[in-house]
Amino acid sequence: MEQGRPSTGRQAGISVVLLVVDLTVIGWLVFRYGMTGWADSYDDSNPPEAPHEAVRATWLLFGAAIVTGGGFHLLRRRTCGTVQLLVLGSGAALLASLAAGGG
């Protein structure tokens, strides 16, 4: 192993741990969107809040993808950075489609 290069096994381990954390956060945000939509169905007097909740979650995931994925790439941890960008970016796209009324 070259000096200064991160271990591929260590990067894979970190990626798996972060994948579990990412999926938990995405699941929680989708659950919040669903609960807000459910509450909106019982409140006809106010405008729905679910699309706003989805937009907030989209920006949160988009920002997290840029910060964590970009940070890992700057630290030369390409595997971790790519996993973060793909997973969090996909979650942001999912919630953006929900905000646009696709869900």
PDB file of N, CA and C in Angstrom:
ATOM      1  N   MET A   1       0.854  -1.183   0.000  1.00  0.00           N
ATOM      2  CA  MET A   1       0.000   0.000   0.000  1.00  0.00           C
ATOM      3  C   MET A   1       0.890   1.233   0.000  1.00  0.00           C
ATOM      4  N   GLU A   2       0.579   2.169  -0.859  1.00  0.00           N
ATOM      5  CA  GLU A   2       1.348   3.407  -0.942  1.00  0.00           C
ATOM      6  C   GLU A   2       1.068   4.285   0.268  1.00  0.00           C
ATOM      7  N   GLN A   3       2.084   5.001   0.678  1.00  0.00           N
ATOM      8  CA  GLN A   3       1.922   5.926   1.802  1.00  0.00           C
ATOM      9  C   GLN A   3       1.009   7.078   1.396  1.00  0.00           C
ATOM     10  N   GLY A   4       0.018   7.404   2.235  1.00  0.00           N
ATOM     11  CA  GLY A   4      -0.862   8.529   1.970  1.00  0.00           C
ATOM     12  C   GLY A   4      -2.137   8.174   1.234  1.00  0.00           C
ATOM     13  N   ARG A   5      -2.229   6.972   0.693  1.00  0.00           N
ATOM     14  CA  ARG A   5      -3.459   6.556   0.001  1.00  0.00           C
ATOM     15  C   ARG A   5      -4.370   5.846   0.982  1.00  0.00           C
ATOM     16  N   PRO A   6      -5.651   6.182   0.992  1.00  0.00           N
ATOM     17  CA  PRO A   6      -6.576   5.538   1.918  1.00  0.00           C
ATOM     18  C   PRO A   6      -6.840   4.087   1.517  1.00  0.00           C
ATOM     19  N   SER A   7      -7.072   3.255   2.496  1.00  0.00           N
ATOM     20  CA  SER A   7      -7.370   1.851   2.271  1.00  0.00           C
ATOM     21  C   SER A   7      -8.743   1.697   1.616  1.00  0.00           C
ATOM     22  N   THR A   8      -8.828   0.841   0.613  1.00  0.00           N
ATOM     23  CA  THR A   8     -10.107   0.593  -0.049  1.00  0.00           C
ATOM     24  C   THR A   8     -11.073  -0.097   0.900  1.00  0.00           C
ATOM     25  N   GLY A   9     -10.579  -1.004   1.725  1.00  0.00           N
ATOM     26  CA  GLY A   9     -11.433  -1.681   2.699  1.00  0.00           C
ATOM     27  C   GLY A   9     -12.014  -0.712   3.714  1.00  0.00           C
ATOM     28  N   ARG A  10     -11.205   0.208   4.175  1.00  0.00           N
ATOM     29  CA  ARG A  10     -11.685   1.213   5.124  1.00  0.00           C
ATOM     30  C   ARG A  10     -12.738   2.104   4.474  1.00  0.00           C
ATOM     31  N   GLN A  11     -12.496   2.487   3.211  1.00  0.00           N
ATOM     32  CA  GLN A  11     -13.476   3.309   2.498  1.00  0.00           C
ATOM     33  C   GLN A  11     -14.786   2.555   2.306  1.00  0.00           C
ATOM     34  N   ALA A  12     -14.704   1.270   2.008  1.00  0.00           N
ATOM     35  CA  ALA A  12     -15.919   0.472   1.839  1.00  0.00           C
ATOM     36  C   ALA A  12     -16.686   0.382   3.153  1.00  0.00           C
ATOM     37  N   GLY A  13     -15.990   0.208   4.263  1.00  0.00           N
ATOM     38  CA  GLY A  13     -16.636   0.148   5.572  1.00  0.00           C
ATOM     39  C   GLY A  13     -17.323   1.460   5.924  1.00  0.00           C
ATOM     40  N   ILE A  14     -16.619   2.551   5.694  1.00  0.00           N
ATOM     41  CA  ILE A  14     -17.203   3.872   5.960  1.00  0.00           C
ATOM     42  C   ILE A  14     -18.414   4.095   5.060  1.00  0.00           C
ATOM     43  N   SER A  15     -18.316   3.679   3.810  1.00  0.00           N
ATOM     44  CA  SER A  15     -19.425   3.846   2.869  1.00  0.00           C
ATOM     45  C   SER A  15     -20.662   3.068   3.310  1.00  0.00           C
ATOM     46  N   VAL A  16     -20.468   1.851   3.817  1.00  0.00           N
ATOM     47  CA  VAL A  16     -21.608   1.045   4.266  1.00  0.00           C
ATOM     48  C   VAL A  16     -22.271   1.688   5.479  1.00  0.00           C
ATOM     49  N   VAL A  17     -21.471   2.163   6.424  1.00  0.00           N
ATOM     50  CA  VAL A  17     -22.029   2.823   7.610  1.00  0.00           C
ATOM     51  C   VAL A  17     -22.798   4.075   7.199  1.00  0.00           C
ATOM     52  N   LEU A  18     -22.207   4.883   6.343  1.00  0.00           N
ATOM     53  CA  LEU A  18     -22.882   6.104   5.896  1.00  0.00           C
ATOM     54  C   LEU A  18     -24.113   5.796   5.046  1.00  0.00           C
ATOM     55  N   LEU A  19     -24.091   4.696   4.304  1.00  0.00           N
ATOM     56  CA  LEU A  19     -25.261   4.293   3.531  1.00  0.00           C
ATOM     57  C   LEU A  19     -26.440   4.012   4.452  1.00  0.00           C
ATOM     58  N   VAL A  20     -26.184   3.305   5.552  1.00  0.00           N
ATOM     59  CA  VAL A  20     -27.253   3.017   6.517  1.00  0.00           C
ATOM     60  C   VAL A  20     -27.790   4.316   7.118  1.00  0.00           C
ATOM     61  N   VAL A  21     -26.896   5.222   7.488  1.00  0.00           N
ATOM     62  CA  VAL A  21     -27.311   6.508   8.052  1.00  0.00           C
ATOM     63  C   VAL A  21     -28.103   7.311   7.017  1.00  0.00           C
ATOM     64  N   ASP A  22     -27.622   7.356   5.785  1.00  0.00           N
ATOM     65  CA  ASP A  22     -28.302   8.099   4.721  1.00  0.00           C
ATOM     66  C   ASP A  22     -29.704   7.555   4.474  1.00  0.00           C
ATOM     67  N   LEU A  23     -29.826   6.236   4.384  1.00  0.00           N
ATOM     68  CA  LEU A  23     -31.139   5.638   4.134  1.00  0.00           C
ATOM     69  C   LEU A  23     -32.093   5.879   5.296  1.00  0.00           C
ATOM     70  N   THR A  24     -31.566   5.909   6.512  1.00  0.00           N
ATOM     71  CA  THR A  24     -32.400   6.213   7.673  1.00  0.00           C
ATOM     72  C   THR A  24     -32.916   7.649   7.599  1.00  0.00           C
ATOM     73  N   VAL A  25     -32.041   8.580   7.264  1.00  0.00           N
ATOM     74  CA  VAL A  25     -32.442   9.994   7.156  1.00  0.00           C
ATOM     75  C   VAL A  25     -33.452  10.181   6.026  1.00  0.00           C
ATOM     76  N   ILE A  26     -33.206   9.561   4.877  1.00  0.00           N
ATOM     77  CA  ILE A  26     -34.139   9.681   3.757  1.00  0.00           C
ATOM     78  C   ILE A  26     -35.487   9.083   4.134  1.00  0.00           C
ATOM     79  N   GLY A  27     -35.464   7.929   4.790  1.00  0.00           N
ATOM     80  CA  GLY A  27     -36.716   7.311   5.237  1.00  0.00           C
ATOM     81  C   GLY A  27     -37.480   8.203   6.194  1.00  0.00           C
ATOM     82  N   TRP A  28     -36.776   8.828   7.118  1.00  0.00           N
ATOM     83  CA  TRP A  28     -37.421   9.726   8.079  1.00  0.00           C
ATOM     84  C   TRP A  28     -38.041  10.935   7.362  1.00  0.00           C
ATOM     85  N   LEU A  29     -37.327  11.499   6.391  1.00  0.00           N
ATOM     86  CA  LEU A  29     -37.850  12.660   5.669  1.00  0.00           C
ATOM     87  C   LEU A  29     -39.073  12.296   4.819  1.00  0.00           C
ATOM     88  N   VAL A  30     -39.056  11.121   4.207  1.00  0.00           N
ATOM     89  CA  VAL A  30     -40.222  10.677   3.442  1.00  0.00           C
ATOM     90  C   VAL A  30     -41.396  10.417   4.392  1.00  0.00           C
ATOM     91  N   PHE A  31     -41.120   9.848   5.556  1.00  0.00           N
ATOM     92  CA  PHE A  31     -42.159   9.631   6.557  1.00  0.00           C
ATOM     93  C   PHE A  31     -42.765  10.968   6.997  1.00  0.00           C
ATOM     94  N   ARG A  32     -41.920  11.976   7.241  1.00  0.00           N
ATOM     95  CA  ARG A  32     -42.426  13.302   7.611  1.00  0.00           C
ATOM     96  C   ARG A  32     -43.302  13.881   6.514  1.00  0.00           C
ATOM     97  N   TYR A  33     -42.882  13.704   5.264  1.00  0.00           N
ATOM     98  CA  TYR A  33     -43.694  14.170   4.136  1.00  0.00           C
ATOM     99  C   TYR A  33     -45.054  13.472   4.144  1.00  0.00           C
ATOM    100  N   GLY A  34     -45.044  12.161   4.332  1.00  0.00           N
ATOM    101  CA  GLY A  34     -46.291  11.408   4.359  1.00  0.00           C
ATOM    102  C   GLY A  34     -47.200  11.813   5.503  1.00  0.00           C
ATOM    103  N   MET A  35     -46.635  12.017   6.684  1.00  0.00           N
ATOM    104  CA  MET A  35     -47.447  12.433   7.829  1.00  0.00           C
ATOM    105  C   MET A  35     -48.015  13.833   7.621  1.00  0.00           C
ATOM    106  N   THR A  36     -47.237  14.718   7.011  1.00  0.00           N
ATOM    107  CA  THR A  36     -47.732  16.066   6.725  1.00  0.00           C
ATOM    108  C   THR A  36     -48.859  16.008   5.703  1.00  0.00           C
ATOM    109  N   GLY A  37     -48.707  15.162   4.685  1.00  0.00           N
ATOM    110  CA  GLY A  37     -49.776  14.992   3.705  1.00  0.00           C
ATOM    111  C   GLY A  37     -51.029  14.409   4.322  1.00  0.00           C
ATOM    112  N   TRP A  38     -50.862  13.473   5.243  1.00  0.00           N
ATOM    113  CA  TRP A  38     -51.993  12.880   5.944  1.00  0.00           C
ATOM    114  C   TRP A  38     -52.713  13.942   6.773  1.00  0.00           C
ATOM    115  N   ALA A  39     -51.943  14.779   7.474  1.00  0.00           N
ATOM    116  CA  ALA A  39     -52.541  15.855   8.267  1.00  0.00           C
ATOM    117  C   ALA A  39     -53.233  16.876   7.371  1.00  0.00           C
ATOM    118  N   ASP A  40     -52.658  17.127   6.200  1.00  0.00           N
ATOM    119  CA  ASP A  40     -53.283  18.064   5.258  1.00  0.00           C
ATOM    120  C   ASP A  40     -54.650  17.579   4.796  1.00  0.00           C
ATOM    121  N   SER A  41     -54.822  16.263   4.723  1.00  0.00           N
ATOM    122  CA  SER A  41     -56.102  15.740   4.240  1.00  0.00           C
ATOM    123  C   SER A  41     -57.242  16.005   5.223  1.00  0.00           C
ATOM    124  N   TYR A  42     -56.902  16.295   6.475  1.00  0.00           N
ATOM    125  CA  TYR A  42     -57.928  16.592   7.479  1.00  0.00           C
ATOM    126  C   TYR A  42     -58.138  18.081   7.700  1.00  0.00           C
ATOM    127  N   ASP A  43     -57.342  18.925   7.011  1.00  0.00           N
ATOM    128  CA  ASP A  43     -57.425  20.372   7.206  1.00  0.00           C
ATOM    129  C   ASP A  43     -57.681  21.045   5.865  1.00  0.00           C
ATOM    130  N   ASP A  44     -58.949  21.248   5.544  1.00  0.00           N
ATOM    131  CA  ASP A  44     -59.304  21.849   4.264  1.00  0.00           C
ATOM    132  C   ASP A  44     -59.242  23.366   4.286  1.00  0.00           C
ATOM    133  N   SER A  45     -59.146  23.980   5.460  1.00  0.00           N
ATOM    134  CA  SER A  45     -59.208  25.442   5.537  1.00  0.00           C
ATOM    135  C   SER A  45     -57.863  26.104   5.260  1.00  0.00           C
ATOM    136  N   ASN A  46     -56.746  25.384   5.365  1.00  0.00           N
ATOM    137  CA  ASN A  46     -55.417  25.956   5.137  1.00  0.00           C
ATOM    138  C   ASN A  46     -54.781  25.315   3.907  1.00  0.00           C
ATOM    139  N   PRO A  47     -53.836  26.016   3.263  1.00  0.00           N
ATOM    140  CA  PRO A  47     -53.146  25.412   2.117  1.00  0.00           C
ATOM    141  C   PRO A  47     -52.290  24.218   2.585  1.00  0.00           C
ATOM    142  N   PRO A  48     -52.092  23.241   1.714  1.00  0.00           N
ATOM    143  CA  PRO A  48     -51.320  22.052   2.117  1.00  0.00           C
ATOM    144  C   PRO A  48     -49.865  22.397   2.427  1.00  0.00           C
ATOM    145  N   GLU A  49     -49.335  21.727   3.432  1.00  0.00           N
ATOM    146  CA  GLU A  49     -47.948  21.943   3.849  1.00  0.00           C
ATOM    147  C   GLU A  49     -47.002  20.875   3.316  1.00  0.00           C
ATOM    148  N   ALA A  50     -47.540  19.761   2.824  1.00  0.00           N
ATOM    149  CA  ALA A  50     -46.688  18.647   2.391  1.00  0.00           C
ATOM    150  C   ALA A  50     -45.700  19.048   1.292  1.00  0.00           C
ATOM    151  N   PRO A  51     -46.105  19.805   0.268  1.00  0.00           N
ATOM    152  CA  PRO A  51     -45.112  20.198  -0.741  1.00  0.00           C
ATOM    153  C   PRO A  51     -43.974  21.038  -0.158  1.00  0.00           C
ATOM    154  N   HIS A  52     -44.293  21.896   0.806  1.00  0.00           N
ATOM    155  CA  HIS A  52     -43.242  22.709   1.434  1.00  0.00           C
ATOM    156  C   HIS A  52     -42.291  21.827   2.247  1.00  0.00           C
ATOM    157  N   GLU A  53     -42.839  20.811   2.894  1.00  0.00           N
ATOM    158  CA  GLU A  53     -42.015  19.867   3.655  1.00  0.00           C
ATOM    159  C   GLU A  53     -41.072  19.113   2.712  1.00  0.00           C
ATOM    160  N   ALA A  54     -41.577  18.714   1.554  1.00  0.00           N
ATOM    161  CA  ALA A  54     -40.752  18.008   0.572  1.00  0.00           C
ATOM    162  C   ALA A  54     -39.651  18.909   0.017  1.00  0.00           C
ATOM    163  N   VAL A  55     -39.962  20.185  -0.197  1.00  0.00           N
ATOM    164  CA  VAL A  55     -38.939  21.124  -0.695  1.00  0.00           C
ATOM    165  C   VAL A  55     -37.851  21.324   0.353  1.00  0.00           C
ATOM    166  N   ARG A  56     -38.236  21.469   1.619  1.00  0.00           N
ATOM    167  CA  ARG A  56     -37.234  21.602   2.693  1.00  0.00           C
ATOM    168  C   ARG A  56     -36.340  20.369   2.757  1.00  0.00           C
ATOM    169  N   ALA A  57     -36.940  19.202   2.662  1.00  0.00           N
ATOM    170  CA  ALA A  57     -36.169  17.957   2.709  1.00  0.00           C
ATOM    171  C   ALA A  57     -35.254  17.832   1.497  1.00  0.00           C
ATOM    172  N   THR A  58     -35.730  18.277   0.333  1.00  0.00           N
ATOM    173  CA  THR A  58     -34.907  18.237  -0.881  1.00  0.00           C
ATOM    174  C   THR A  58     -33.654  19.086  -0.700  1.00  0.00           C
ATOM    175  N   TRP A  59     -33.823  20.299  -0.200  1.00  0.00           N
ATOM    176  CA  TRP A  59     -32.667  21.172   0.008  1.00  0.00           C
ATOM    177  C   TRP A  59     -31.725  20.626   1.065  1.00  0.00           C
ATOM    178  N   LEU A  60     -32.270  20.018   2.098  1.00  0.00           N
ATOM    179  CA  LEU A  60     -31.437  19.413   3.140  1.00  0.00           C
ATOM    180  C   LEU A  60     -30.585  18.291   2.552  1.00  0.00           C
ATOM    181  N   LEU A  61     -31.200  17.403   1.785  1.00  0.00           N
ATOM    182  CA  LEU A  61     -30.453  16.294   1.194  1.00  0.00           C
ATOM    183  C   LEU A  61     -29.481  16.766   0.124  1.00  0.00           C
ATOM    184  N   PHE A  62     -29.882  17.759  -0.671  1.00  0.00           N
ATOM    185  CA  PHE A  62     -28.994  18.299  -1.691  1.00  0.00           C
ATOM    186  C   PHE A  62     -27.752  18.915  -1.046  1.00  0.00           C
ATOM    187  N   GLY A  63     -27.965  19.705   0.005  1.00  0.00           N
ATOM    188  CA  GLY A  63     -26.833  20.309   0.711  1.00  0.00           C
ATOM    189  C   GLY A  63     -25.941  19.267   1.358  1.00  0.00           C
ATOM    190  N   ALA A  64     -26.540  18.249   1.948  1.00  0.00           N
ATOM    191  CA  ALA A  64     -25.756  17.177   2.575  1.00  0.00           C
ATOM    192  C   ALA A  64     -24.947  16.417   1.536  1.00  0.00           C
ATOM    193  N   ALA A  65     -25.517  16.203   0.355  1.00  0.00           N
ATOM    194  CA  ALA A  65     -24.783  15.506  -0.708  1.00  0.00           C
ATOM    195  C   ALA A  65     -23.559  16.316  -1.141  1.00  0.00           C
ATOM    196  N   ILE A  66     -23.748  17.614  -1.292  1.00  0.00           N
ATOM    197  CA  ILE A  66     -22.630  18.465  -1.723  1.00  0.00           C
ATOM    198  C   ILE A  66     -21.544  18.535  -0.648  1.00  0.00           C
ATOM    199  N   VAL A  67     -21.958  18.742   0.600  1.00  0.00           N
ATOM    200  CA  VAL A  67     -20.984  18.908   1.679  1.00  0.00           C
ATOM    201  C   VAL A  67     -20.240  17.597   1.956  1.00  0.00           C
ATOM    202  N   THR A  68     -20.979  16.515   2.169  1.00  0.00           N
ATOM    203  CA  THR A  68     -20.304  15.260   2.526  1.00  0.00           C
ATOM    204  C   THR A  68     -19.624  14.623   1.321  1.00  0.00           C
ATOM    205  N   GLY A  69     -20.331  14.557   0.189  1.00  0.00           N
ATOM    206  CA  GLY A  69     -19.720  13.967  -1.001  1.00  0.00           C
ATOM    207  C   GLY A  69     -18.521  14.761  -1.487  1.00  0.00           C
ATOM    208  N   GLY A  70     -18.695  16.068  -1.539  1.00  0.00           N
ATOM    209  CA  GLY A  70     -17.575  16.920  -1.947  1.00  0.00           C
ATOM    210  C   GLY A  70     -16.430  16.885  -0.959  1.00  0.00           C
ATOM    211  N   GLY A  71     -16.765  16.862   0.319  1.00  0.00           N
ATOM    212  CA  GLY A  71     -15.718  16.785   1.354  1.00  0.00           C
ATOM    213  C   GLY A  71     -14.903  15.514   1.253  1.00  0.00           C
ATOM    214  N   PHE A  72     -15.574  14.391   1.050  1.00  0.00           N
ATOM    215  CA  PHE A  72     -14.839  13.131   0.898  1.00  0.00           C
ATOM    216  C   PHE A  72     -13.985  13.140  -0.364  1.00  0.00           C
ATOM    217  N   HIS A  73     -14.494  13.729  -1.436  1.00  0.00           N
ATOM    218  CA  HIS A  73     -13.680  13.813  -2.655  1.00  0.00           C
ATOM    219  C   HIS A  73     -12.453  14.694  -2.436  1.00  0.00           C
ATOM    220  N   LEU A  74     -12.617  15.778  -1.694  1.00  0.00           N
ATOM    221  CA  LEU A  74     -11.456  16.626  -1.400  1.00  0.00           C
ATOM    222  C   LEU A  74     -10.436  15.907  -0.526  1.00  0.00           C
ATOM    223  N   LEU A  75     -10.912  14.998   0.332  1.00  0.00           N
ATOM    224  CA  LEU A  75     -10.014  14.197   1.173  1.00  0.00           C
ATOM    225  C   LEU A  75      -9.473  12.971   0.443  1.00  0.00           C
ATOM    226  N   ARG A  76      -9.767  12.877  -0.849  1.00  0.00           N
ATOM    227  CA  ARG A  76      -9.338  11.764  -1.704  1.00  0.00           C
ATOM    228  C   ARG A  76      -9.932  10.422  -1.277  1.00  0.00           C
ATOM    229  N   ARG A  77     -11.124  10.471  -0.734  1.00  0.00           N
ATOM    230  CA  ARG A  77     -11.876   9.266  -0.390  1.00  0.00           C
ATOM    231  C   ARG A  77     -12.975   9.137  -1.447  1.00  0.00           C
ATOM    232  N   ARG A  78     -12.576   8.729  -2.638  1.00  0.00           N
ATOM    233  CA  ARG A  78     -13.473   8.736  -3.796  1.00  0.00           C
ATOM    234  C   ARG A  78     -14.677   7.820  -3.603  1.00  0.00           C
ATOM    235  N   THR A  79     -14.471   6.644  -3.038  1.00  0.00           N
ATOM    236  CA  THR A  79     -15.577   5.702  -2.861  1.00  0.00           C
ATOM    237  C   THR A  79     -16.637   6.289  -1.943  1.00  0.00           C
ATOM    238  N   CYS A  80     -16.214   6.801  -0.794  1.00  0.00           N
ATOM    239  CA  CYS A  80     -17.162   7.398   0.153  1.00  0.00           C
ATOM    240  C   CYS A  80     -17.876   8.589  -0.459  1.00  0.00           C
ATOM    241  N   GLY A  81     -17.139   9.434  -1.146  1.00  0.00           N
ATOM    242  CA  GLY A  81     -17.726  10.620  -1.759  1.00  0.00           C
ATOM    243  C   GLY A  81     -18.743  10.288  -2.829  1.00  0.00           C
ATOM    244  N   THR A  82     -18.439   9.291  -3.637  1.00  0.00           N
ATOM    245  CA  THR A  82     -19.354   8.892  -4.698  1.00  0.00           C
ATOM    246  C   THR A  82     -20.633   8.298  -4.117  1.00  0.00           C
ATOM    247  N   VAL A  83     -20.498   7.450  -3.088  1.00  0.00           N
ATOM    248  CA  VAL A  83     -21.680   6.867  -2.449  1.00  0.00           C
ATOM    249  C   VAL A  83     -22.551   7.977  -1.863  1.00  0.00           C
ATOM    250  N   GLN A  84     -21.942   8.940  -1.185  1.00  0.00           N
ATOM    251  CA  GLN A  84     -22.707  10.035  -0.598  1.00  0.00           C
ATOM    252  C   GLN A  84     -23.429  10.846  -1.671  1.00  0.00           C
ATOM    253  N   LEU A  85     -22.731  11.178  -2.738  1.00  0.00           N
ATOM    254  CA  LEU A  85     -23.356  11.956  -3.808  1.00  0.00           C
ATOM    255  C   LEU A  85     -24.516  11.204  -4.453  1.00  0.00           C
ATOM    256  N   LEU A  86     -24.330   9.912  -4.697  1.00  0.00           N
ATOM    257  CA  LEU A  86     -25.384   9.130  -5.350  1.00  0.00           C
ATOM    258  C   LEU A  86     -26.592   8.908  -4.444  1.00  0.00           C
ATOM    259  N   VAL A  87     -26.359   8.496  -3.203  1.00  0.00           N
ATOM    260  CA  VAL A  87     -27.475   8.167  -2.310  1.00  0.00           C
ATOM    261  C   VAL A  87     -28.243   9.430  -1.911  1.00  0.00           C
ATOM    262  N   LEU A  88     -27.531  10.433  -1.425  1.00  0.00           N
ATOM    263  CA  LEU A  88     -28.216  11.656  -1.003  1.00  0.00           C
ATOM    264  C   LEU A  88     -28.803  12.413  -2.190  1.00  0.00           C
ATOM    265  N   GLY A  89     -28.120  12.380  -3.329  1.00  0.00           N
ATOM    266  CA  GLY A  89     -28.666  13.009  -4.531  1.00  0.00           C
ATOM    267  C   GLY A  89     -29.926  12.314  -5.003  1.00  0.00           C
ATOM    268  N   SER A  90     -29.957  10.987  -4.913  1.00  0.00           N
ATOM    269  CA  SER A  90     -31.167  10.242  -5.283  1.00  0.00           C
ATOM    270  C   SER A  90     -32.312  10.548  -4.326  1.00  0.00           C
ATOM    271  N   GLY A  91     -32.006  10.656  -3.040  1.00  0.00           N
ATOM    272  CA  GLY A  91     -33.034  11.026  -2.067  1.00  0.00           C
ATOM    273  C   GLY A  91     -33.576  12.411  -2.334  1.00  0.00           C
ATOM    274  N   ALA A  92     -32.696  13.330  -2.694  1.00  0.00           N
ATOM    275  CA  ALA A  92     -33.141  14.691  -3.018  1.00  0.00           C
ATOM    276  C   ALA A  92     -34.032  14.676  -4.262  1.00  0.00           C
ATOM    277  N   ALA A  93     -33.675  13.864  -5.254  1.00  0.00           N
ATOM    278  CA  ALA A  93     -34.501  13.769  -6.462  1.00  0.00           C
ATOM    279  C   ALA A  93     -35.868  13.160  -6.143  1.00  0.00           C
ATOM    280  N   LEU A  94     -35.892  12.163  -5.262  1.00  0.00           N
ATOM    281  CA  LEU A  94     -37.161  11.554  -4.856  1.00  0.00           C
ATOM    282  C   LEU A  94     -38.073  12.584  -4.207  1.00  0.00           C
ATOM    283  N   LEU A  95     -37.541  13.329  -3.270  1.00  0.00           N
ATOM    284  CA  LEU A  95     -38.371  14.320  -2.575  1.00  0.00           C
ATOM    285  C   LEU A  95     -38.719  15.497  -3.472  1.00  0.00           C
ATOM    286  N   ALA A  96     -37.855  15.820  -4.418  1.00  0.00           N
ATOM    287  CA  ALA A  96     -38.198  16.883  -5.377  1.00  0.00           C
ATOM    288  C   ALA A  96     -39.365  16.439  -6.252  1.00  0.00           C
ATOM    289  N   SER A  97     -39.392  15.161  -6.622  1.00  0.00           N
ATOM    290  CA  SER A  97     -40.527  14.681  -7.434  1.00  0.00           C
ATOM    291  C   SER A  97     -41.802  14.682  -6.603  1.00  0.00           C
ATOM    292  N   LEU A  98     -41.702  14.392  -5.299  1.00  0.00           N
ATOM    293  CA  LEU A  98     -42.879  14.467  -4.426  1.00  0.00           C
ATOM    294  C   LEU A  98     -43.366  15.906  -4.291  1.00  0.00           C
ATOM    295  N   ALA A  99     -42.424  16.835  -4.197  1.00  0.00           N
ATOM    296  CA  ALA A  99     -42.790  18.254  -4.081  1.00  0.00           C
ATOM    297  C   ALA A  99     -43.479  18.741  -5.344  1.00  0.00           C
ATOM    298  N   ALA A 100     -43.094  18.179  -6.478  1.00  0.00           N
ATOM    299  CA  ALA A 100     -43.685  18.592  -7.743  1.00  0.00           C
ATOM    300  C   ALA A 100     -45.029  17.902  -8.007  1.00  0.00           C
ATOM    301  N   GLY A 101     -45.430  17.040  -7.097  1.00  0.00           N
ATOM    302  CA  GLY A 101     -46.723  16.378  -7.249  1.00  0.00           C
ATOM    303  C   GLY A 101     -46.635  15.043  -7.961  1.00  0.00           C
ATOM    304  N   GLY A 102     -45.422  14.478  -8.050  1.00  0.00           N
ATOM    305  CA  GLY A 102     -45.261  13.200  -8.734  1.00  0.00           C
ATOM    306  C   GLY A 102     -45.544  11.998  -7.870  1.00  0.00           C
ATOM    307  N   GLY A 103     -45.854  12.206  -6.570  1.00  0.00           N
ATOM    308  CA  GLY A 103     -46.015  11.041  -5.700  1.00  0.00           C
ATOM    309  C   GLY A 103     -47.362  10.814  -5.189  1.00  0.00           C
TER     310      GLY A 103
END
